[in-house]
Amino acid sequence: MADTDEHREHVESDPYCETLGIELVDFEPGHARTRLEVTEELTNFHGTPHGGAVYSLADAAFAAASNSHGDTAVALETNISYLDAVDVGSTLTATAEETHLAGRTAEYEVVVTDENDERVSTFRGRVYIIR
C-alpha cells in the first residue's frame, strides 16, 4: 500500500468525525476536502448549523491536509469566520489548501461552501510538524 493510502486510512479512522458524519472525500499532499450533511442533530436553538459543527468540518479538512505529508502535525492556532448560515439538509464541503510550509510549521486556509459553491465560512490554521 502506498504511503498516501496509509495516511488516508489513518485520517479516516477519526472517531469524532465518524460521530458527526464528516466524510473525507479528497486527500493528497497539502490538500484535503471533507463533507458534511447538516442534520437536525447539528443545529443550534436558531435551527441553523451549530458553529461547532461547521468548525469541526473545517478542522477535519485542516487536520487531514496538514497530516497528509506523513509527519504528525498538531495545531498551533486556528480561527474561523462565519459568513452565512445554511438550512438543515444542506451539504457543506470544506476544502483545505496548504498556503505555507517551512521547517517545522505550516499554514492552511480552509474554505467551507454549500452545495451551490457559496462560501459559508473561512478557517485558517497553523501547525507544528513533529518529525
Protein backbone atom coordinates (compact mmCIF):
# COMPACT_ATOMS: atom_id res chain seq x y z
CA MET A 1 0.00 0.00 0.00
CA ALA A 2 1.30 3.45 -0.90
CA ASP A 3 2.18 5.88 1.88
CA THR A 4 -0.66 8.19 0.83
CA ASP A 5 -3.14 5.33 1.17
CA GLU A 6 -1.82 4.55 4.66
CA HIS A 7 -2.06 8.22 5.67
CA ARG A 8 -5.60 8.42 4.29
CA GLU A 9 -6.68 5.33 6.24
CA HIS A 10 -5.19 6.83 9.40
CA VAL A 11 -7.06 10.11 8.90
CA GLU A 12 -10.31 8.33 8.05
CA SER A 13 -10.18 6.39 11.33
CA ASP A 14 -11.09 9.53 13.32
CA PRO A 15 -13.93 8.58 15.72
CA TYR A 16 -15.05 12.20 16.26
CA CYS A 17 -15.57 12.75 12.53
CA GLU A 18 -17.42 9.45 12.30
CA THR A 19 -19.72 10.55 15.13
CA LEU A 20 -20.58 13.82 13.39
CA GLY A 21 -20.84 12.27 9.93
CA ILE A 22 -17.84 14.07 8.43
CA GLU A 23 -16.53 12.29 5.34
CA LEU A 24 -13.06 12.64 3.82
CA VAL A 25 -13.64 12.99 0.08
CA ASP A 26 -10.27 14.16 -1.24
CA PHE A 27 -6.78 13.67 0.18
CA GLU A 28 -3.38 14.45 -1.29
CA PRO A 29 -0.22 16.14 -0.04
CA GLY A 30 -1.08 19.64 1.18
CA HIS A 31 -4.76 19.35 0.28
CA ALA A 32 -7.90 17.74 1.67
CA ARG A 33 -11.65 18.02 1.24
CA THR A 34 -14.29 16.97 3.77
CA ARG A 35 -18.08 16.89 3.53
CA LEU A 36 -20.95 17.01 6.00
CA GLU A 37 -24.71 16.89 5.59
CA VAL A 38 -26.40 19.24 8.05
CA THR A 39 -28.94 17.28 10.09
CA GLU A 40 -31.33 18.40 12.82
CA GLU A 41 -28.87 17.00 15.38
CA LEU A 42 -26.23 19.51 14.25
CA THR A 43 -28.34 22.66 14.68
CA ASN A 44 -28.43 25.26 17.42
CA PHE A 45 -31.50 26.83 19.04
CA HIS A 46 -31.94 29.07 15.97
CA GLY A 47 -32.35 25.99 13.78
CA THR A 48 -29.15 26.71 11.86
CA PRO A 49 -25.96 24.64 11.86
CA HIS A 50 -24.14 24.96 15.15
CA GLY A 51 -20.89 26.88 14.76
CA GLY A 52 -19.10 23.94 16.36
CA ALA A 53 -20.30 21.62 13.58
CA VAL A 54 -19.06 23.98 10.87
CA TYR A 55 -15.79 24.45 12.75
CA SER A 56 -15.38 20.68 13.14
CA LEU A 57 -15.88 20.17 9.40
CA ALA A 58 -13.22 22.79 8.60
CA ASP A 59 -10.90 21.47 11.30
CA ALA A 60 -11.17 17.94 9.89
CA ALA A 61 -10.05 19.17 6.45
CA PHE A 62 -7.24 21.17 8.11
CA ALA A 63 -6.10 18.12 10.10
CA ALA A 64 -6.17 15.88 7.03
CA ALA A 65 -4.25 18.32 4.82
CA SER A 66 -1.67 19.13 7.48
CA ASN A 67 -1.00 15.45 8.19
CA SER A 68 -1.02 14.44 4.52
CA HIS A 69 2.76 14.52 4.15
CA GLY A 70 3.19 11.67 6.61
CA ASP A 71 4.62 13.57 9.56
CA THR A 72 2.46 14.25 12.60
CA ALA A 73 1.19 17.83 12.56
CA VAL A 74 -0.53 19.39 15.57
CA ALA A 75 -2.46 22.65 15.65
CA LEU A 76 -0.74 25.74 16.99
CA GLU A 77 -3.59 28.14 16.32
CA THR A 78 -6.83 28.33 14.37
CA ASN A 79 -9.58 30.82 13.68
CA ILE A 80 -12.80 30.83 11.74
CA SER A 81 -15.02 33.49 10.22
CA TYR A 82 -18.69 32.57 9.83
CA LEU A 83 -20.10 34.27 6.76
CA ASP A 84 -23.54 32.77 6.16
CA ALA A 85 -25.96 30.24 7.62
CA VAL A 86 -27.43 27.29 5.72
CA ASP A 87 -30.55 25.16 6.12
CA VAL A 88 -30.96 21.68 7.52
CA GLY A 89 -30.41 19.23 4.68
CA SER A 90 -27.64 21.31 3.14
CA THR A 91 -24.35 19.63 2.36
CA LEU A 92 -21.25 21.56 3.34
CA THR A 93 -17.81 21.00 1.85
CA ALA A 94 -14.54 22.15 3.42
CA THR A 95 -11.52 22.46 1.15
CA ALA A 96 -8.12 22.84 2.84
CA GLU A 97 -5.11 24.16 0.96
CA GLU A 98 -1.56 24.45 2.23
CA THR A 99 -0.52 28.09 1.89
CA HIS A 100 2.91 27.93 3.56
CA LEU A 101 5.29 25.13 4.54
CA ALA A 102 8.70 25.91 6.03
CA GLY A 103 10.76 23.99 8.55
CA ARG A 104 8.52 22.69 11.30
CA THR A 105 5.48 24.88 10.70
CA ALA A 106 2.83 25.10 8.01
CA GLU A 107 -0.22 27.24 7.33
CA TYR A 108 -3.57 26.28 5.79
CA GLU A 109 -6.68 28.02 4.55
CA VAL A 110 -9.96 26.13 4.59
CA VAL A 111 -12.97 27.37 2.66
CA VAL A 112 -16.37 25.94 3.61
CA THR A 113 -19.01 26.12 0.89
CA ASP A 114 -22.60 24.99 0.46
CA GLU A 115 -23.92 22.85 -2.40
CA ASN A 116 -24.20 25.98 -4.59
CA ASP A 117 -20.47 26.63 -4.06
CA GLU A 118 -21.29 29.72 -1.96
CA ARG A 119 -18.76 30.43 0.79
CA VAL A 120 -20.18 29.80 4.26
CA SER A 121 -17.01 30.27 6.31
CA THR A 122 -13.26 30.73 6.11
CA PHE A 123 -10.94 28.92 8.51
CA ARG A 124 -7.21 29.48 8.92
CA GLY A 125 -4.76 27.39 10.89
CA ARG A 126 -1.10 26.82 11.62
CA VAL A 127 0.53 23.57 12.66
CA TYR A 128 3.74 22.39 14.25
CA ILE A 129 5.25 19.38 12.47
CA ILE A 130 6.73 16.66 14.66
CA ARG A 131 9.50 14.72 12.93
